[in-house]
Amino acid sequence: MENRFVPYSELKEYFTKMKLKDDLKGREVMGICSVADILFITEDYKKSSLRMNSPLGSYESFEDGPYKSGQIEVAELDREQLSDALFDSDYNELELWEKAARKDIDPKASVHLLVLKETDRIWWSAANVFREMCECYQLQEE
Protein backbone atom coordinates (compact mmCIF):
# COMPACT_ATOMS: atom_id res chain seq x y z
CA MET A 1 0.00 0.00 0.00
CA GLU A 2 1.26 3.45 -0.87
CA ASN A 3 1.41 6.06 1.85
CA ARG A 4 1.77 9.82 2.08
CA PHE A 5 2.00 12.60 4.62
CA VAL A 6 -1.26 14.21 5.77
CA PRO A 7 -0.50 17.81 6.78
CA TYR A 8 -2.25 20.01 9.34
CA SER A 9 -4.29 21.71 6.60
CA GLU A 10 -5.90 18.41 5.56
CA LEU A 11 -6.58 17.38 9.15
CA LYS A 12 -8.14 20.77 9.79
CA GLU A 13 -10.39 20.25 6.76
CA TYR A 14 -11.50 16.92 8.21
CA PHE A 15 -12.07 18.19 11.76
CA THR A 16 -14.01 21.27 10.64
CA LYS A 17 -15.89 19.99 7.56
CA MET A 18 -15.60 16.19 7.83
CA LYS A 19 -13.99 16.13 4.37
CA LEU A 20 -11.31 13.63 3.44
CA LYS A 21 -9.12 13.96 0.34
CA ASP A 22 -10.17 11.66 -2.51
CA ASP A 23 -6.94 9.63 -2.56
CA LEU A 24 -7.50 8.63 1.08
CA LYS A 25 -11.11 7.55 0.54
CA GLY A 26 -10.01 4.45 -1.35
CA ARG A 27 -7.66 1.77 -0.10
CA GLU A 28 -4.74 2.53 -2.44
CA VAL A 29 -3.18 5.22 -0.22
CA MET A 30 -2.81 5.37 3.54
CA GLY A 31 -2.24 8.80 5.07
CA ILE A 32 0.29 9.28 7.83
CA CYS A 33 -0.13 12.28 10.11
CA SER A 34 1.78 13.45 13.14
CA VAL A 35 0.15 13.32 16.55
CA ALA A 36 1.59 16.82 16.86
CA ASP A 37 -0.90 18.10 14.28
CA ILE A 38 -3.79 16.54 16.22
CA LEU A 39 -2.55 18.42 19.30
CA PHE A 40 -2.16 21.65 17.31
CA ILE A 41 -5.77 21.36 16.11
CA THR A 42 -6.84 21.11 19.75
CA GLU A 43 -4.68 24.10 20.64
CA ASP A 44 -6.10 26.19 17.79
CA TYR A 45 -9.63 25.26 18.85
CA LYS A 46 -8.90 26.29 22.45
CA LYS A 47 -7.54 29.63 21.23
CA SER A 48 -10.74 30.14 19.17
CA SER A 49 -8.86 30.29 15.88
CA LEU A 50 -10.50 27.08 14.67
CA ARG A 51 -14.24 26.47 14.57
CA MET A 52 -15.70 23.00 15.07
CA ASN A 53 -19.39 22.29 15.58
CA SER A 54 -18.62 19.66 18.17
CA PRO A 55 -14.95 19.13 19.11
CA LEU A 56 -15.66 15.83 20.84
CA GLY A 57 -17.83 14.71 17.93
CA SER A 58 -15.09 15.65 15.46
CA TYR A 59 -12.49 13.62 17.34
CA GLU A 60 -14.83 10.65 17.71
CA SER A 61 -15.65 10.85 14.02
CA PHE A 62 -11.94 10.85 13.19
CA GLU A 63 -11.23 7.94 15.51
CA ASP A 64 -14.21 5.86 14.34
CA GLY A 65 -13.74 6.85 10.68
CA PRO A 66 -10.42 7.31 8.90
CA TYR A 67 -8.27 6.23 11.86
CA LYS A 68 -10.12 3.00 12.64
CA SER A 69 -10.50 2.09 8.96
CA GLY A 70 -6.77 2.53 8.34
CA GLN A 71 -7.15 5.46 5.95
CA ILE A 72 -5.05 7.65 8.26
CA GLU A 73 -2.41 6.43 10.70
CA VAL A 74 -1.40 8.77 13.52
CA ALA A 75 2.34 8.66 14.13
CA GLU A 76 2.91 8.94 17.85
CA LEU A 77 5.80 10.12 19.96
CA ASP A 78 5.90 7.63 22.77
CA ARG A 79 8.95 7.12 24.94
CA GLU A 80 10.51 4.54 22.63
CA GLN A 81 10.04 6.63 19.45
CA LEU A 82 11.39 9.70 21.21
CA SER A 83 14.41 7.75 22.44
CA ASP A 84 15.09 6.26 18.98
CA ALA A 85 14.57 9.56 17.14
CA LEU A 86 16.30 11.92 19.55
CA PHE A 87 19.78 10.46 19.21
CA ASP A 88 21.85 10.39 16.04
CA SER A 89 22.73 6.81 15.12
CA ASP A 90 25.58 8.02 12.90
CA TYR A 91 27.64 8.95 15.95
CA ASN A 92 27.23 7.52 19.39
CA GLU A 93 24.18 7.24 21.57
CA LEU A 94 25.10 10.40 23.48
CA GLU A 95 24.87 12.74 20.48
CA LEU A 96 21.51 14.47 20.02
CA TRP A 97 20.09 14.41 16.52
CA GLU A 98 21.26 17.81 15.33
CA LYS A 99 18.37 18.37 12.92
CA ALA A 100 15.77 18.46 15.71
CA ALA A 101 18.00 19.92 18.43
CA ARG A 102 19.08 23.13 16.67
CA LYS A 103 18.51 26.41 18.50
CA ASP A 104 17.05 28.08 15.41
CA ILE A 105 14.21 25.58 14.91
CA ASP A 106 10.63 26.11 16.05
CA PRO A 107 9.54 23.66 18.81
CA LYS A 108 6.60 22.53 16.66
CA ALA A 109 9.02 21.66 13.86
CA SER A 110 11.20 19.68 16.28
CA VAL A 111 8.19 17.63 17.35
CA HIS A 112 7.24 16.92 13.72
CA LEU A 113 10.79 15.81 12.96
CA LEU A 114 10.96 13.51 15.98
CA VAL A 115 7.54 11.97 15.37
CA LEU A 116 8.17 11.19 11.70
CA LYS A 117 11.89 10.37 11.73
CA GLU A 118 12.52 6.98 10.21
CA THR A 119 13.45 4.57 12.99
CA ASP A 120 13.21 0.82 13.50
CA ARG A 121 9.85 1.40 15.17
CA ILE A 122 8.26 2.91 12.04
CA TRP A 123 6.44 0.18 10.13
CA TRP A 124 5.37 2.18 7.07
CA SER A 125 7.61 3.43 4.27
CA ALA A 126 8.82 6.47 6.16
CA ALA A 127 11.26 8.04 3.70
CA ASN A 128 8.62 9.61 1.45
CA VAL A 129 6.43 10.64 4.41
CA PHE A 130 9.41 12.36 6.07
CA ARG A 131 10.35 14.09 2.80
CA GLU A 132 6.77 15.28 2.20
CA MET A 133 6.57 16.57 5.78
CA CYS A 134 9.84 18.50 5.34
CA GLU A 135 8.54 20.01 2.10
CA CYS A 136 5.17 20.92 3.63
CA TYR A 137 6.64 22.63 6.68
CA GLN A 138 9.68 23.99 4.79
CA LEU A 139 12.21 22.07 6.86
CA GLN A 140 15.52 21.04 5.40
CA GLU A 141 16.07 17.34 4.92
CA GLU A 142 19.37 15.88 5.99
C-alpha atoms as a PDB file:
ATOM      1  CA  MET A   1       0.000   0.000   0.000  1.00  0.00           C
ATOM      2  CA  GLU A   2       1.262   3.446  -0.872  1.00  0.00           C
ATOM      3  CA  ASN A   3       1.407   6.064   1.850  1.00  0.00           C
ATOM      4  CA  ARG A   4       1.767   9.818   2.085  1.00  0.00           C
ATOM      5  CA  PHE A   5       2.002  12.597   4.617  1.00  0.00           C
ATOM      6  CA  VAL A   6      -1.264  14.206   5.771  1.00  0.00           C
ATOM      7  CA  PRO A   7      -0.505  17.808   6.785  1.00  0.00           C
ATOM      8  CA  TYR A   8      -2.246  20.008   9.336  1.00  0.00           C
ATOM      9  CA  SER A   9      -4.294  21.714   6.597  1.00  0.00           C
ATOM     10  CA  GLU A  10      -5.902  18.405   5.560  1.00  0.00           C
ATOM     11  CA  LEU A  11      -6.575  17.384   9.147  1.00  0.00           C
ATOM     12  CA  LYS A  12      -8.137  20.773   9.795  1.00  0.00           C
ATOM     13  CA  GLU A  13     -10.394  20.248   6.762  1.00  0.00           C
ATOM     14  CA  TYR A  14     -11.496  16.923   8.210  1.00  0.00           C
ATOM     15  CA  PHE A  15     -12.067  18.189  11.759  1.00  0.00           C
ATOM     16  CA  THR A  16     -14.010  21.269  10.638  1.00  0.00           C
ATOM     17  CA  LYS A  17     -15.890  19.989   7.564  1.00  0.00           C
ATOM     18  CA  MET A  18     -15.605  16.185   7.825  1.00  0.00           C
ATOM     19  CA  LYS A  19     -13.993  16.128   4.367  1.00  0.00           C
ATOM     20  CA  LEU A  20     -11.310  13.626   3.440  1.00  0.00           C
ATOM     21  CA  LYS A  21      -9.125  13.956   0.336  1.00  0.00           C
ATOM     22  CA  ASP A  22     -10.174  11.657  -2.513  1.00  0.00           C
ATOM     23  CA  ASP A  23      -6.944   9.630  -2.560  1.00  0.00           C
ATOM     24  CA  LEU A  24      -7.502   8.633   1.079  1.00  0.00           C
ATOM     25  CA  LYS A  25     -11.107   7.545   0.542  1.00  0.00           C
ATOM     26  CA  GLY A  26     -10.011   4.448  -1.348  1.00  0.00           C
ATOM     27  CA  ARG A  27      -7.660   1.775  -0.100  1.00  0.00           C
ATOM     28  CA  GLU A  28      -4.738   2.533  -2.442  1.00  0.00           C
ATOM     29  CA  VAL A  29      -3.184   5.217  -0.215  1.00  0.00           C
ATOM     30  CA  MET A  30      -2.807   5.375   3.544  1.00  0.00           C
ATOM     31  CA  GLY A  31      -2.239   8.799   5.074  1.00  0.00           C
ATOM     32  CA  ILE A  32       0.295   9.280   7.829  1.00  0.00           C
ATOM     33  CA  CYS A  33      -0.133  12.278  10.108  1.00  0.00           C
ATOM     34  CA  SER A  34       1.776  13.448  13.141  1.00  0.00           C
ATOM     35  CA  VAL A  35       0.154  13.315  16.554  1.00  0.00           C
ATOM     36  CA  ALA A  36       1.595  16.822  16.863  1.00  0.00           C
ATOM     37  CA  ASP A  37      -0.898  18.097  14.281  1.00  0.00           C
ATOM     38  CA  ILE A  38      -3.787  16.541  16.217  1.00  0.00           C
ATOM     39  CA  LEU A  39      -2.547  18.416  19.295  1.00  0.00           C
ATOM     40  CA  PHE A  40      -2.159  21.650  17.306  1.00  0.00           C
ATOM     41  CA  ILE A  41      -5.771  21.357  16.109  1.00  0.00           C
ATOM     42  CA  THR A  42      -6.841  21.112  19.752  1.00  0.00           C
ATOM     43  CA  GLU A  43      -4.675  24.100  20.643  1.00  0.00           C
ATOM     44  CA  ASP A  44      -6.102  26.191  17.789  1.00  0.00           C
ATOM     45  CA  TYR A  45      -9.629  25.262  18.848  1.00  0.00           C
ATOM     46  CA  LYS A  46      -8.904  26.285  22.452  1.00  0.00           C
ATOM     47  CA  LYS A  47      -7.542  29.630  21.226  1.00  0.00           C
ATOM     48  CA  SER A  48     -10.736  30.136  19.170  1.00  0.00           C
ATOM     49  CA  SER A  49      -8.861  30.294  15.878  1.00  0.00           C
ATOM     50  CA  LEU A  50     -10.501  27.083  14.668  1.00  0.00           C
ATOM     51  CA  ARG A  51     -14.236  26.466  14.569  1.00  0.00           C
ATOM     52  CA  MET A  52     -15.698  23.001  15.073  1.00  0.00           C
ATOM     53  CA  ASN A  53     -19.387  22.287  15.580  1.00  0.00           C
ATOM     54  CA  SER A  54     -18.618  19.663  18.168  1.00  0.00           C
ATOM     55  CA  PRO A  55     -14.954  19.134  19.110  1.00  0.00           C
ATOM     56  CA  LEU A  56     -15.656  15.827  20.842  1.00  0.00           C
ATOM     57  CA  GLY A  57     -17.832  14.708  17.929  1.00  0.00           C
ATOM     58  CA  SER A  58     -15.088  15.653  15.462  1.00  0.00           C
ATOM     59  CA  TYR A  59     -12.494  13.624  17.345  1.00  0.00           C
ATOM     60  CA  GLU A  60     -14.829  10.653  17.715  1.00  0.00           C
ATOM     61  CA  SER A  61     -15.654  10.849  14.016  1.00  0.00           C
ATOM     62  CA  PHE A  62     -11.935  10.852  13.190  1.00  0.00           C
ATOM     63  CA  GLU A  63     -11.232   7.940  15.509  1.00  0.00           C
ATOM     64  CA  ASP A  64     -14.208   5.864  14.338  1.00  0.00           C
ATOM     65  CA  GLY A  65     -13.744   6.847  10.682  1.00  0.00           C
ATOM     66  CA  PRO A  66     -10.417   7.312   8.898  1.00  0.00           C
ATOM     67  CA  TYR A  67      -8.273   6.231  11.861  1.00  0.00           C
ATOM     68  CA  LYS A  68     -10.118   3.002  12.641  1.00  0.00           C
ATOM     69  CA  SER A  69     -10.498   2.092   8.963  1.00  0.00           C
ATOM     70  CA  GLY A  70      -6.768   2.528   8.340  1.00  0.00           C
ATOM     71  CA  GLN A  71      -7.149   5.460   5.954  1.00  0.00           C
ATOM     72  CA  ILE A  72      -5.046   7.648   8.257  1.00  0.00           C
ATOM     73  CA  GLU A  73      -2.410   6.433  10.702  1.00  0.00           C
ATOM     74  CA  VAL A  74      -1.402   8.774  13.520  1.00  0.00           C
ATOM     75  CA  ALA A  75       2.339   8.662  14.128  1.00  0.00           C
ATOM     76  CA  GLU A  76       2.907   8.938  17.854  1.00  0.00           C
ATOM     77  CA  LEU A  77       5.802  10.124  19.959  1.00  0.00           C
ATOM     78  CA  ASP A  78       5.895   7.625  22.772  1.00  0.00           C
ATOM     79  CA  ARG A  79       8.946   7.123  24.940  1.00  0.00           C
ATOM     80  CA  GLU A  80      10.510   4.541  22.633  1.00  0.00           C
ATOM     81  CA  GLN A  81      10.044   6.626  19.451  1.00  0.00           C
ATOM     82  CA  LEU A  82      11.395   9.697  21.212  1.00  0.00           C
ATOM     83  CA  SER A  83      14.406   7.753  22.440  1.00  0.00           C
ATOM     84  CA  ASP A  84      15.091   6.263  18.977  1.00  0.00           C
ATOM     85  CA  ALA A  85      14.565   9.562  17.143  1.00  0.00           C
ATOM     86  CA  LEU A  86      16.305  11.921  19.554  1.00  0.00           C
ATOM     87  CA  PHE A  87      19.780  10.462  19.208  1.00  0.00           C
ATOM     88  CA  ASP A  88      21.853  10.387  16.045  1.00  0.00           C
ATOM     89  CA  SER A  89      22.730   6.809  15.119  1.00  0.00           C
ATOM     90  CA  ASP A  90      25.582   8.016  12.896  1.00  0.00           C
ATOM     91  CA  TYR A  91      27.640   8.945  15.950  1.00  0.00           C
ATOM     92  CA  ASN A  92      27.227   7.516  19.385  1.00  0.00           C
ATOM     93  CA  GLU A  93      24.184   7.242  21.573  1.00  0.00           C
ATOM     94  CA  LEU A  94      25.104  10.397  23.479  1.00  0.00           C
ATOM     95  CA  GLU A  95      24.869  12.739  20.475  1.00  0.00           C
ATOM     96  CA  LEU A  96      21.509  14.472  20.024  1.00  0.00           C
ATOM     97  CA  TRP A  97      20.089  14.412  16.519  1.00  0.00           C
ATOM     98  CA  GLU A  98      21.257  17.813  15.328  1.00  0.00           C
ATOM     99  CA  LYS A  99      18.374  18.370  12.919  1.00  0.00           C
ATOM    100  CA  ALA A 100      15.774  18.457  15.706  1.00  0.00           C
ATOM    101  CA  ALA A 101      17.995  19.925  18.430  1.00  0.00           C
ATOM    102  CA  ARG A 102      19.075  23.130  16.668  1.00  0.00           C
ATOM    103  CA  LYS A 103      18.510  26.408  18.501  1.00  0.00           C
ATOM    104  CA  ASP A 104      17.045  28.078  15.415  1.00  0.00           C
ATOM    105  CA  ILE A 105      14.208  25.579  14.912  1.00  0.00           C
ATOM    106  CA  ASP A 106      10.632  26.106  16.054  1.00  0.00           C
ATOM    107  CA  PRO A 107       9.544  23.660  18.813  1.00  0.00           C
ATOM    108  CA  LYS A 108       6.602  22.528  16.655  1.00  0.00           C
ATOM    109  CA  ALA A 109       9.020  21.662  13.863  1.00  0.00           C
ATOM    110  CA  SER A 110      11.201  19.684  16.283  1.00  0.00           C
ATOM    111  CA  VAL A 111       8.194  17.632  17.350  1.00  0.00           C
ATOM    112  CA  HIS A 112       7.240  16.924  13.723  1.00  0.00           C
ATOM    113  CA  LEU A 113      10.789  15.809  12.963  1.00  0.00           C
ATOM    114  CA  LEU A 114      10.961  13.511  15.982  1.00  0.00           C
ATOM    115  CA  VAL A 115       7.538  11.969  15.367  1.00  0.00           C
ATOM    116  CA  LEU A 116       8.167  11.195  11.699  1.00  0.00           C
ATOM    117  CA  LYS A 117      11.886  10.369  11.727  1.00  0.00           C
ATOM    118  CA  GLU A 118      12.522   6.977  10.213  1.00  0.00           C
ATOM    119  CA  THR A 119      13.450   4.566  12.994  1.00  0.00           C
ATOM    120  CA  ASP A 120      13.214   0.816  13.497  1.00  0.00           C
ATOM    121  CA  ARG A 121       9.846   1.397  15.167  1.00  0.00           C
ATOM    122  CA  ILE A 122       8.265   2.915  12.040  1.00  0.00           C
ATOM    123  CA  TRP A 123       6.444   0.180  10.133  1.00  0.00           C
ATOM    124  CA  TRP A 124       5.373   2.182   7.074  1.00  0.00           C
ATOM    125  CA  SER A 125       7.605   3.429   4.266  1.00  0.00           C
ATOM    126  CA  ALA A 126       8.815   6.474   6.164  1.00  0.00           C
ATOM    127  CA  ALA A 127      11.256   8.036   3.701  1.00  0.00           C
ATOM    128  CA  ASN A 128       8.616   9.606   1.452  1.00  0.00           C
ATOM    129  CA  VAL A 129       6.431  10.645   4.413  1.00  0.00           C
ATOM    130  CA  PHE A 130       9.412  12.359   6.071  1.00  0.00           C
ATOM    131  CA  ARG A 131      10.355  14.093   2.796  1.00  0.00           C
ATOM    132  CA  GLU A 132       6.765  15.283   2.205  1.00  0.00           C
ATOM    133  CA  MET A 133       6.565  16.566   5.780  1.00  0.00           C
ATOM    134  CA  CYS A 134       9.836  18.496   5.338  1.00  0.00           C
ATOM    135  CA  GLU A 135       8.537  20.014   2.101  1.00  0.00           C
ATOM    136  CA  CYS A 136       5.169  20.917   3.629  1.00  0.00           C
ATOM    137  CA  TYR A 137       6.638  22.629   6.681  1.00  0.00           C
ATOM    138  CA  GLN A 138       9.681  23.985   4.787  1.00  0.00           C
ATOM    139  CA  LEU A 139      12.205  22.070   6.860  1.00  0.00           C
ATOM    140  CA  GLN A 140      15.517  21.037   5.398  1.00  0.00           C
ATOM    141  CA  GLU A 141      16.073  17.339   4.924  1.00  0.00           C
ATOM    142  CA  GLU A 142      19.375  15.884   5.991  1.00  0.00           C
END
